[in-house]
C-alpha atoms as a PDB file:
ATOM      1  CA  MET A   1      -0.199   0.216   0.110  1.00  0.00           C
ATOM      2  CA  ASN A   2       1.272   3.622  -0.851  1.00  0.00           C
ATOM      3  CA  LEU A   3       0.025   6.722   1.087  1.00  0.00           C
ATOM      4  CA  GLN A   4      -2.555   7.597  -2.075  1.00  0.00           C
ATOM      5  CA  ASP A   5      -3.971   4.239  -1.407  1.00  0.00           C
ATOM      6  CA  LEU A   6      -4.112   4.720   2.512  1.00  0.00           C
ATOM      7  CA  VAL A   7      -5.425   8.233   2.259  1.00  0.00           C
ATOM      8  CA  GLY A   8      -8.050   6.889  -0.624  1.00  0.00           C
ATOM      9  CA  ARG A   9      -9.148   3.953   1.154  1.00  0.00           C
ATOM     10  CA  TYR A  10      -8.955   5.101   5.024  1.00  0.00           C
ATOM     11  CA  LYS A  11      -9.759   8.448   4.976  1.00  0.00           C
ATOM     12  CA  SER A  12     -13.516   9.010   4.329  1.00  0.00           C
ATOM     13  CA  PRO A  13     -14.431   6.342   6.274  1.00  0.00           C
ATOM     14  CA  VAL A  14     -12.764   7.687   9.415  1.00  0.00           C
ATOM     15  CA  ASP A  15     -14.167  11.383   8.381  1.00  0.00           C
ATOM     16  CA  ALA A  16     -17.436   9.685   8.474  1.00  0.00           C
ATOM     17  CA  ALA A  17     -17.006   7.776  11.808  1.00  0.00           C
ATOM     18  CA  VAL A  18     -16.042  11.098  13.221  1.00  0.00           C
ATOM     19  CA  ALA A  19     -19.516  12.500  11.695  1.00  0.00           C
ATOM     20  CA  THR A  20     -21.387  10.148  13.303  1.00  0.00           C
ATOM     21  CA  GLU A  21     -19.501   9.608  16.587  1.00  0.00           C
ATOM     22  CA  VAL A  22     -20.184  13.666  17.135  1.00  0.00           C
ATOM     23  CA  ALA A  23     -23.727  13.602  16.296  1.00  0.00           C
ATOM     24  CA  ARG A  24     -24.161  10.608  18.456  1.00  0.00           C
ATOM     25  CA  ARG A  25     -22.842  12.465  21.252  1.00  0.00           C
ATOM     26  CA  ALA A  26     -25.026  15.312  20.479  1.00  0.00           C
ATOM     27  CA  ALA A  27     -28.253  13.083  20.673  1.00  0.00           C
ATOM     28  CA  GLU A  28     -27.002  11.686  23.652  1.00  0.00           C
ATOM     29  CA  VAL A  29     -26.499  15.354  25.340  1.00  0.00           C
ATOM     30  CA  GLY A  30     -29.627  16.559  24.114  1.00  0.00           C
ATOM     31  CA  GLN A  31     -31.374  14.351  26.446  1.00  0.00           C
ATOM     32  CA  ILE A  32     -30.068  16.587  29.369  1.00  0.00           C
ATOM     33  CA  SER A  33     -29.983  20.103  28.242  1.00  0.00           C
ATOM     34  CA  PRO A  34     -29.925  22.087  25.163  1.00  0.00           C
ATOM     35  CA  GLU A  35     -27.118  24.272  26.577  1.00  0.00           C
ATOM     36  CA  LEU A  36     -24.795  21.175  25.920  1.00  0.00           C
ATOM     37  CA  VAL A  37     -26.115  20.449  22.297  1.00  0.00           C
ATOM     38  CA  LYS A  38     -24.781  24.187  21.171  1.00  0.00           C
ATOM     39  CA  ILE A  39     -21.279  22.892  22.785  1.00  0.00           C
ATOM     40  CA  LEU A  40     -21.328  19.592  20.728  1.00  0.00           C
ATOM     41  CA  GLU A  41     -22.166  22.097  17.556  1.00  0.00           C
ATOM     42  CA  MET A  42     -19.325  23.999  17.994  1.00  0.00           C
ATOM     43  CA  MET A  43     -17.552  20.802  18.144  1.00  0.00           C
ATOM     44  CA  ARG A  44     -19.025  19.276  15.595  1.00  0.00           C
ATOM     45  CA  GLU A  45     -17.795  22.569  13.419  1.00  0.00           C
ATOM     46  CA  LEU A  46     -14.103  22.071  14.890  1.00  0.00           C
ATOM     47  CA  SER A  47     -14.246  18.008  13.480  1.00  0.00           C
ATOM     48  CA  VAL A  48     -14.642  18.257  10.287  1.00  0.00           C
ATOM     49  CA  GLY A  49     -11.527  19.144   7.880  1.00  0.00           C
ATOM     50  CA  GLY A  50      -8.115  18.083   8.651  1.00  0.00           C
ATOM     51  CA  LYS A  51      -5.711  15.868   7.403  1.00  0.00           C
ATOM     52  CA  ARG A  52      -6.766  12.776   9.513  1.00  0.00           C
ATOM     53  CA  MET A  53      -2.894  11.878   9.626  1.00  0.00           C
ATOM     54  CA  ARG A  54      -3.173  10.450  13.329  1.00  0.00           C
ATOM     55  CA  GLY A  55      -6.382   8.451  12.321  1.00  0.00           C
ATOM     56  CA  LEU A  56      -4.175   6.788   9.159  1.00  0.00           C
ATOM     57  CA  LEU A  57      -1.674   6.021  11.391  1.00  0.00           C
ATOM     58  CA  THR A  58      -3.752   4.225  13.721  1.00  0.00           C
ATOM     59  CA  VAL A  59      -4.720   2.478  10.856  1.00  0.00           C
ATOM     60  CA  LEU A  60      -1.156   1.968   9.403  1.00  0.00           C
ATOM     61  CA  GLY A  61       0.201   0.452  12.590  1.00  0.00           C
ATOM     62  CA  TYR A  62      -2.295  -1.902  12.905  1.00  0.00           C
ATOM     63  CA  GLN A  63      -1.571  -3.268   9.318  1.00  0.00           C
ATOM     64  CA  LEU A  64       1.935  -2.983   9.778  1.00  0.00           C
ATOM     65  CA  ALA A  65       1.617  -5.413  12.410  1.00  0.00           C
ATOM     66  CA  GLU A  66      -0.163  -7.430  10.660  1.00  0.00           C
ATOM     67  CA  GLY A  67      -3.682  -7.378  11.929  1.00  0.00           C
ATOM     68  CA  SER A  68      -6.311  -9.370  10.466  1.00  0.00           C
ATOM     69  CA  LYS A  69      -9.011  -7.808   8.088  1.00  0.00           C
ATOM     70  CA  GLU A  70     -11.915  -8.672   9.994  1.00  0.00           C
ATOM     71  CA  GLY A  71     -10.423  -6.538  12.587  1.00  0.00           C
ATOM     72  CA  GLU A  72      -9.994  -3.509  10.788  1.00  0.00           C
ATOM     73  CA  GLU A  73     -13.986  -2.035  11.392  1.00  0.00           C
ATOM     74  CA  GLU A  74     -12.878  -1.924  15.168  1.00  0.00           C
ATOM     75  CA  VAL A  75      -9.802  -0.045  13.991  1.00  0.00           C
ATOM     76  CA  ILE A  76     -11.565   2.734  12.321  1.00  0.00           C
ATOM     77  CA  LYS A  77     -13.486   3.185  15.694  1.00  0.00           C
ATOM     78  CA  ALA A  78      -9.511   3.679  17.506  1.00  0.00           C
ATOM     79  CA  ALA A  79      -8.830   5.946  14.422  1.00  0.00           C
ATOM     80  CA  VAL A  80     -11.758   8.218  15.604  1.00  0.00           C
ATOM     81  CA  VAL A  81     -10.911   8.134  19.158  1.00  0.00           C
ATOM     82  CA  MET A  82      -6.985   9.373  17.855  1.00  0.00           C
ATOM     83  CA  GLU A  83      -9.023  12.222  15.877  1.00  0.00           C
ATOM     84  CA  LEU A  84     -11.252  12.974  18.900  1.00  0.00           C
ATOM     85  CA  PHE A  85      -8.656  13.067  21.254  1.00  0.00           C
ATOM     86  CA  HIS A  86      -7.095  15.229  18.832  1.00  0.00           C
ATOM     87  CA  LEU A  87     -10.076  17.488  18.807  1.00  0.00           C
ATOM     88  CA  GLY A  88     -10.156  17.605  22.798  1.00  0.00           C
ATOM     89  CA  LEU A  89      -6.318  18.962  22.745  1.00  0.00           C
ATOM     90  CA  LEU A  90      -6.753  21.656  20.231  1.00  0.00           C
ATOM     91  CA  ILE A  91      -9.903  23.145  22.004  1.00  0.00           C
ATOM     92  CA  HIS A  92      -7.444  23.089  25.223  1.00  0.00           C
ATOM     93  CA  ASP A  93      -4.415  24.117  23.109  1.00  0.00           C
ATOM     94  CA  ASP A  94      -6.803  27.245  21.436  1.00  0.00           C
ATOM     95  CA  PHE A  95      -7.927  28.903  24.609  1.00  0.00           C
ATOM     96  CA  MET A  96      -4.491  28.458  26.617  1.00  0.00           C
ATOM     97  CA  ASP A  97      -3.134  30.176  23.113  1.00  0.00           C
ATOM     98  CA  GLN A  98      -5.715  32.659  22.740  1.00  0.00           C
ATOM     99  CA  ASP A  99      -6.339  31.923  19.258  1.00  0.00           C
ATOM    100  CA  ASP A 100      -9.608  32.697  17.741  1.00  0.00           C
ATOM    101  CA  LEU A 101      -9.435  30.531  14.556  1.00  0.00           C
ATOM    102  CA  ARG A 102      -9.116  27.253  13.904  1.00  0.00           C
ATOM    103  CA  ARG A 103      -9.712  25.015  11.011  1.00  0.00           C
ATOM    104  CA  GLY A 104     -10.893  28.657   9.510  1.00  0.00           C
ATOM    105  CA  VAL A 105     -13.642  28.462  12.540  1.00  0.00           C
ATOM    106  CA  ALA A 106     -14.076  29.995  15.576  1.00  0.00           C
ATOM    107  CA  THR A 107     -12.713  28.379  18.501  1.00  0.00           C
ATOM    108  CA  ILE A 108     -15.293  27.505  21.246  1.00  0.00           C
ATOM    109  CA  HIS A 109     -13.335  29.895  24.125  1.00  0.00           C
ATOM    110  CA  SER A 110     -13.857  32.726  21.765  1.00  0.00           C
ATOM    111  CA  ARG A 111     -17.332  32.565  20.944  1.00  0.00           C
ATOM    112  CA  TYR A 112     -18.493  33.714  24.407  1.00  0.00           C
ATOM    113  CA  THR A 113     -18.535  37.193  25.360  1.00  0.00           C
ATOM    114  CA  ASP A 114     -17.458  36.094  29.231  1.00  0.00           C
ATOM    115  CA  GLN A 115     -13.762  34.988  29.443  1.00  0.00           C
ATOM    116  CA  HIS A 116     -14.487  33.199  32.119  1.00  0.00           C
ATOM    117  CA  ILE A 117     -17.164  31.026  30.842  1.00  0.00           C
ATOM    118  CA  GLY A 118     -15.735  30.618  27.502  1.00  0.00           C
ATOM    119  CA  GLU A 119     -12.447  28.690  29.103  1.00  0.00           C
ATOM    120  CA  SER A 120     -14.243  26.775  31.023  1.00  0.00           C
ATOM    121  CA  VAL A 121     -16.479  25.637  28.399  1.00  0.00           C
ATOM    122  CA  ALA A 122     -13.741  24.690  26.109  1.00  0.00           C
ATOM    123  CA  VAL A 123     -11.663  22.815  29.133  1.00  0.00           C
ATOM    124  CA  LEU A 124     -15.016  21.267  29.690  1.00  0.00           C
ATOM    125  CA  ALA A 125     -15.300  20.466  25.883  1.00  0.00           C
ATOM    126  CA  GLY A 126     -12.153  18.928  25.907  1.00  0.00           C
ATOM    127  CA  ASP A 127     -12.576  16.745  28.504  1.00  0.00           C
ATOM    128  CA  TYR A 128     -15.355  15.244  26.601  1.00  0.00           C
ATOM    129  CA  THR A 129     -13.360  13.260  23.959  1.00  0.00           C
ATOM    130  CA  PHE A 130     -11.187  12.055  26.349  1.00  0.00           C
ATOM    131  CA  GLY A 131     -13.803   9.941  28.637  1.00  0.00           C
ATOM    132  CA  TRP A 132     -15.385   9.574  24.824  1.00  0.00           C
ATOM    133  CA  GLY A 133     -11.741   7.929  23.855  1.00  0.00           C
ATOM    134  CA  VAL A 134     -12.281   5.350  27.128  1.00  0.00           C
ATOM    135  CA  GLU A 135     -15.225   4.407  26.635  1.00  0.00           C
ATOM    136  CA  ILE A 136     -14.884   3.476  22.769  1.00  0.00           C
ATOM    137  CA  LEU A 137     -11.808   1.972  23.554  1.00  0.00           C
ATOM    138  CA  SER A 138     -13.146  -0.439  25.668  1.00  0.00           C
ATOM    139  CA  SER A 139     -15.564  -1.635  24.235  1.00  0.00           C
ATOM    140  CA  LEU A 140     -13.647  -2.467  20.697  1.00  0.00           C
ATOM    141  CA  ASN A 141     -14.211  -6.264  19.686  1.00  0.00           C
ATOM    142  CA  LEU A 142     -11.007  -7.272  19.527  1.00  0.00           C
ATOM    143  CA  PRO A 143      -9.290  -9.651  21.805  1.00  0.00           C
ATOM    144  CA  LYS A 144      -9.097  -8.283  24.751  1.00  0.00           C
ATOM    145  CA  ASP A 145      -5.135  -8.860  25.411  1.00  0.00           C
ATOM    146  CA  SER A 146      -4.870  -6.373  22.649  1.00  0.00           C
ATOM    147  CA  VAL A 147      -7.450  -4.037  23.816  1.00  0.00           C
ATOM    148  CA  LEU A 148      -6.018  -3.865  27.176  1.00  0.00           C
ATOM    149  CA  LYS A 149      -2.220  -3.113  25.485  1.00  0.00           C
ATOM    150  CA  ALA A 150      -3.823  -0.646  23.389  1.00  0.00           C
ATOM    151  CA  MET A 151      -5.573   1.510  26.404  1.00  0.00           C
ATOM    152  CA  GLN A 152      -2.357   1.324  28.528  1.00  0.00           C
ATOM    153  CA  VAL A 153      -0.385   2.930  25.142  1.00  0.00           C
ATOM    154  CA  TRP A 154      -3.381   5.368  24.874  1.00  0.00           C
ATOM    155  CA  GLY A 155      -3.363   6.350  28.693  1.00  0.00           C
ATOM    156  CA  LYS A 156       0.432   6.314  28.680  1.00  0.00           C
ATOM    157  CA  TYR A 157       0.899   9.153  26.154  1.00  0.00           C
ATOM    158  CA  PHE A 158      -2.257  10.756  27.172  1.00  0.00           C
ATOM    159  CA  THR A 159      -0.549  12.051  30.151  1.00  0.00           C
ATOM    160  CA  ARG A 160       2.862  13.029  28.657  1.00  0.00           C
ATOM    161  CA  VAL A 161       1.071  15.305  26.304  1.00  0.00           C
ATOM    162  CA  GLY A 162      -0.294  16.591  29.157  1.00  0.00           C
ATOM    163  CA  TYR A 163       3.172  17.334  30.110  1.00  0.00           C
ATOM    164  CA  GLY A 164       4.401  18.733  27.129  1.00  0.00           C
ATOM    165  CA  GLN A 165       1.475  20.686  26.903  1.00  0.00           C
ATOM    166  CA  THR A 166       2.352  22.307  30.707  1.00  0.00           C
ATOM    167  CA  LEU A 167       5.764  23.517  29.632  1.00  0.00           C
ATOM    168  CA  ASP A 168       4.531  24.651  26.200  1.00  0.00           C
ATOM    169  CA  VAL A 169       1.901  27.060  28.778  1.00  0.00           C
ATOM    170  CA  LEU A 170       5.038  28.010  30.522  1.00  0.00           C
ATOM    171  CA  LYS A 171       6.769  29.285  27.420  1.00  0.00           C
ATOM    172  CA  THR A 172      10.212  27.628  28.415  1.00  0.00           C
ATOM    173  CA  ALA A 173      12.908  29.849  26.644  1.00  0.00           C
ATOM    174  CA  ASP A 174      15.755  27.064  26.789  1.00  0.00           C
ATOM    175  CA  GLU A 175      16.413  24.573  23.898  1.00  0.00           C
ATOM    176  CA  LYS A 176      16.447  22.106  26.284  1.00  0.00           C
ATOM    177  CA  SER A 177      12.914  22.536  27.423  1.00  0.00           C
ATOM    178  CA  LEU A 178      11.567  22.865  23.761  1.00  0.00           C
ATOM    179  CA  LEU A 179      13.366  19.796  22.758  1.00  0.00           C
ATOM    180  CA  SER A 180      10.879  18.524  25.655  1.00  0.00           C
ATOM    181  CA  ILE A 181       7.813  19.772  24.195  1.00  0.00           C
ATOM    182  CA  LEU A 182       8.520  18.452  20.768  1.00  0.00           C
ATOM    183  CA  ALA A 183       9.153  15.153  21.848  1.00  0.00           C
ATOM    184  CA  LEU A 184       6.089  15.216  23.872  1.00  0.00           C
ATOM    185  CA  LYS A 185       3.330  16.658  21.653  1.00  0.00           C
ATOM    186  CA  SER A 186       4.503  15.789  18.357  1.00  0.00           C
ATOM    187  CA  GLY A 187       6.934  13.006  18.735  1.00  0.00           C
ATOM    188  CA  GLU A 188       4.742  10.664  20.897  1.00  0.00           C
ATOM    189  CA  TYR A 189       1.410  11.690  21.018  1.00  0.00           C
ATOM    190  CA  SER A 190       1.111  12.838  17.019  1.00  0.00           C
ATOM    191  CA  CYS A 191       3.037   9.796  15.399  1.00  0.00           C
ATOM    192  CA  VAL A 192       4.388   7.576  17.962  1.00  0.00           C
ATOM    193  CA  LEU A 193       0.805   7.360  20.119  1.00  0.00           C
ATOM    194  CA  PRO A 194      -1.420   6.401  16.942  1.00  0.00           C
ATOM    195  CA  LEU A 195       1.300   3.794  15.349  1.00  0.00           C
ATOM    196  CA  GLN A 196       1.941   1.979  18.480  1.00  0.00           C
ATOM    197  CA  LEU A 197      -2.296   2.235  19.486  1.00  0.00           C
ATOM    198  CA  GLY A 198      -2.879   0.243  15.917  1.00  0.00           C
ATOM    199  CA  ALA A 199      -0.292  -2.209  16.371  1.00  0.00           C
ATOM    200  CA  ALA A 200      -1.331  -2.880  19.932  1.00  0.00           C
ATOM    201  CA  LEU A 201      -4.889  -3.900  18.899  1.00  0.00           C
ATOM    202  CA  ALA A 202      -3.237  -6.166  16.034  1.00  0.00           C
ATOM    203  CA  GLY A 203      -1.547  -8.012  18.911  1.00  0.00           C
ATOM    204  CA  GLY A 204       2.324  -6.526  17.701  1.00  0.00           C
ATOM    205  CA  ASN A 205       5.185  -8.012  19.207  1.00  0.00           C
ATOM    206  CA  GLN A 206       7.760  -5.797  21.007  1.00  0.00           C
ATOM    207  CA  ALA A 207      10.014  -5.799  17.809  1.00  0.00           C
ATOM    208  CA  ILE A 208       7.451  -3.711  15.519  1.00  0.00           C
ATOM    209  CA  MET A 209       6.355  -1.578  18.795  1.00  0.00           C
ATOM    210  CA  ASP A 210       9.688  -0.539  19.062  1.00  0.00           C
ATOM    211  CA  LYS A 211      10.394   0.022  15.648  1.00  0.00           C
ATOM    212  CA  LEU A 212       7.350   2.341  15.318  1.00  0.00           C
ATOM    213  CA  TYR A 213       8.495   4.501  18.321  1.00  0.00           C
ATOM    214  CA  LYS A 214      12.232   4.875  16.481  1.00  0.00           C
ATOM    215  CA  TYR A 215      10.322   6.407  13.351  1.00  0.00           C
ATOM    216  CA  GLY A 216       7.476   7.916  15.060  1.00  0.00           C
ATOM    217  CA  MET A 217       9.895  10.108  17.087  1.00  0.00           C
ATOM    218  CA  GLU A 218      11.964  11.198  13.881  1.00  0.00           C
ATOM    219  CA  LEU A 219       8.377  11.420  12.129  1.00  0.00           C
ATOM    220  CA  GLY A 220       7.284  13.652  14.824  1.00  0.00           C
ATOM    221  CA  TRP A 221      10.309  16.183  14.844  1.00  0.00           C
ATOM    222  CA  VAL A 222       9.690  16.920  11.307  1.00  0.00           C
ATOM    223  CA  PHE A 223       5.391  17.170  11.939  1.00  0.00           C
ATOM    224  CA  GLN A 224       6.555  19.998  14.595  1.00  0.00           C
ATOM    225  CA  LEU A 225       9.395  21.834  12.621  1.00  0.00           C
ATOM    226  CA  ARG A 226       6.563  22.065   9.644  1.00  0.00           C
ATOM    227  CA  ASP A 227       4.133  23.069  12.104  1.00  0.00           C
ATOM    228  CA  ASP A 228       7.120  26.041  13.397  1.00  0.00           C
ATOM    229  CA  TYR A 229       7.557  26.582  10.067  1.00  0.00           C
ATOM    230  CA  LEU A 230       3.923  27.319   8.950  1.00  0.00           C
ATOM    231  CA  ALA A 231       3.192  29.354  11.976  1.00  0.00           C
ATOM    232  CA  GLU A 232       5.378  31.790  11.408  1.00  0.00           C
ATOM    233  CA  TRP A 233       6.090  31.514   7.477  1.00  0.00           C
ATOM    234  CA  GLY A 234       2.866  30.021   6.575  1.00  0.00           C
ATOM    235  CA  GLU A 235      -0.502  31.137   4.517  1.00  0.00           C
ATOM    236  CA  SER A 236      -3.176  31.779   7.078  1.00  0.00           C
ATOM    237  CA  ALA A 237      -5.576  30.910   3.976  1.00  0.00           C
ATOM    238  CA  LYS A 238      -4.271  27.387   4.138  1.00  0.00           C
ATOM    239  CA  THR A 239      -3.663  26.283   7.461  1.00  0.00           C
ATOM    240  CA  GLY A 240      -6.699  27.645   8.715  1.00  0.00           C
ATOM    241  CA  LYS A 241      -5.424  29.854  12.338  1.00  0.00           C
ATOM    242  CA  PRO A 242      -3.691  32.961  12.390  1.00  0.00           C
ATOM    243  CA  VAL A 243       0.292  33.215  11.408  1.00  0.00           C
ATOM    244  CA  GLY A 244       2.705  35.006  13.336  1.00  0.00           C
ATOM    245  CA  ASN A 245       1.082  34.235  16.889  1.00  0.00           C
ATOM    246  CA  ASP A 246       4.541  33.110  17.773  1.00  0.00           C
ATOM    247  CA  ARG A 247       6.335  36.280  17.387  1.00  0.00           C
ATOM    248  CA  ARG A 248       3.572  38.732  18.968  1.00  0.00           C
ATOM    249  CA  GLU A 249       2.784  36.945  21.872  1.00  0.00           C
ATOM    250  CA  ASP A 250       6.728  36.306  22.591  1.00  0.00           C
ATOM    251  CA  LYS A 251       6.106  32.551  22.539  1.00  0.00           C
ATOM    252  CA  HIS A 252       9.541  30.604  21.659  1.00  0.00           C
ATOM    253  CA  SER A 253       9.445  28.118  19.011  1.00  0.00           C
ATOM    254  CA  PHE A 254      12.610  26.559  16.696  1.00  0.00           C
ATOM    255  CA  ALA A 255      11.124  29.216  13.780  1.00  0.00           C
ATOM    256  CA  LEU A 256      12.579  32.175  16.128  1.00  0.00           C
ATOM    257  CA  MET A 257      15.209  30.291  17.632  1.00  0.00           C
ATOM    258  CA  TYR A 258      16.889  29.100  14.487  1.00  0.00           C
ATOM    259  CA  GLY A 259      15.542  31.119  11.633  1.00  0.00           C
ATOM    260  CA  ARG A 260      14.111  30.481   8.031  1.00  0.00           C
ATOM    261  CA  GLU A 261      17.214  28.344   6.623  1.00  0.00           C
ATOM    262  CA  LYS A 262      18.175  26.445   9.637  1.00  0.00           C
ATOM    263  CA  LEU A 263      14.797  25.073  10.358  1.00  0.00           C
ATOM    264  CA  LEU A 264      14.035  23.856   6.723  1.00  0.00           C
ATOM    265  CA  SER A 265      17.706  21.907   7.000  1.00  0.00           C
ATOM    266  CA  GLU A 266      16.565  20.717  10.624  1.00  0.00           C
ATOM    267  CA  ILE A 267      13.452  19.567   9.064  1.00  0.00           C
ATOM    268  CA  GLU A 268      15.637  17.542   5.909  1.00  0.00           C
ATOM    269  CA  ARG A 269      17.793  15.957   8.937  1.00  0.00           C
ATOM    270  CA  TYR A 270      15.287  14.673  10.861  1.00  0.00           C
ATOM    271  CA  SER A 271      13.447  13.499   7.258  1.00  0.00           C
ATOM    272  CA  THR A 272      16.261  11.393   6.335  1.00  0.00           C
ATOM    273  CA  GLN A 273      16.937   9.833   9.678  1.00  0.00           C
ATOM    274  CA  ALA A 274      13.079   8.794   9.836  1.00  0.00           C
ATOM    275  CA  LYS A 275      13.651   6.835   6.602  1.00  0.00           C
ATOM    276  CA  ALA A 276      16.630   5.332   7.726  1.00  0.00           C
ATOM    277  CA  VAL A 277      14.656   3.732  10.717  1.00  0.00           C
ATOM    278  CA  VAL A 278      11.996   2.003   8.218  1.00  0.00           C
ATOM    279  CA  ASP A 279      12.002  -0.067   4.830  1.00  0.00           C
ATOM    280  CA  GLU A 280       8.625   0.601   4.012  1.00  0.00           C
ATOM    281  CA  SER A 281       7.808   2.575   1.208  1.00  0.00           C
ATOM    282  CA  VAL A 282       4.434   4.005   2.273  1.00  0.00           C
ATOM    283  CA  LEU A 283       6.272   5.491   6.085  1.00  0.00           C
ATOM    284  CA  HIS A 284       8.697   6.851   3.558  1.00  0.00           C
ATOM    285  CA  GLU A 285       5.794   8.622   1.507  1.00  0.00           C
ATOM    286  CA  ILE A 286       4.170  10.027   4.967  1.00  0.00           C
ATOM    287  CA  VAL A 287       7.691  11.669   5.910  1.00  0.00           C
ATOM    288  CA  GLU A 288       7.447  13.665   2.362  1.00  0.00           C
ATOM    289  CA  TRP A 289       4.023  14.749   3.089  1.00  0.00           C
ATOM    290  CA  VAL A 290       4.515  15.782   6.689  1.00  0.00           C
ATOM    291  CA  ALA A 291       7.630  17.974   5.656  1.00  0.00           C
ATOM    292  CA  ASN A 292       6.343  19.675   2.576  1.00  0.00           C
ATOM    293  CA  ARG A 293       2.915  20.110   3.789  1.00  0.00           C
ATOM    294  CA  ASP A 294       1.331  23.369   3.734  1.00  0.00           C
ATOM    295  CA  ASN A 295      -1.686  23.200   6.226  1.00  0.00           C
END
């Protein structure tokens, strides 16, 4: 399978499954209060679009660990968990960074005139997605030992992305702290977690888990450095969020620390290292996609 096949075969099912799950949750809260339905509608708007990279990596991890064809429908549900988890973290990240735009639509906290209420709702809305994830993962119709292993993977990196976000909020200035943030938020959460989650659901052995960890960490460097590049020199019409906010808010990033040319050089270096870990052509294609994306 190449990258085009992966995206063509699985992105639409993941998109549809995310929409179905959010609609199901909206119907669920409709029995409690119309105020909750309004929040779920905001979440639905923010859930539309996106690359679905984490969901696709979940499916790919399952396939690389030689998961059965019969289990793919359940793995799509795990891909939805990753995408909803991502949505929840974005909602939190936006109010922490005080960003008013995400994927071209207003962020949740920015829709309230009362700042305290807006930020509180954003925290709680993000939290909804984490509870949904536990419920979905624990209910997967796959071997119980594989489900347990997957939940352990998810729990581990759930906590660690929180550590990274804490350092990010504290605006730690030194390069060591920035490297830690990058490792926790991009290497582990964005890349290692979905790959290992899928592999765990397939019953993958330690060798494949270790291989996906090494590859995922290198891919994560590429992902975050490209993110930093786009945050400073991208086009808002393509990224769906403001450009130049890090500089305006005096938030430290590798784009501001390194400058444009060194940043591009670092992206190339980590891309080469990621490809050296694996032989699979689709994993090489993903590196190129991440390194050259414009949103």
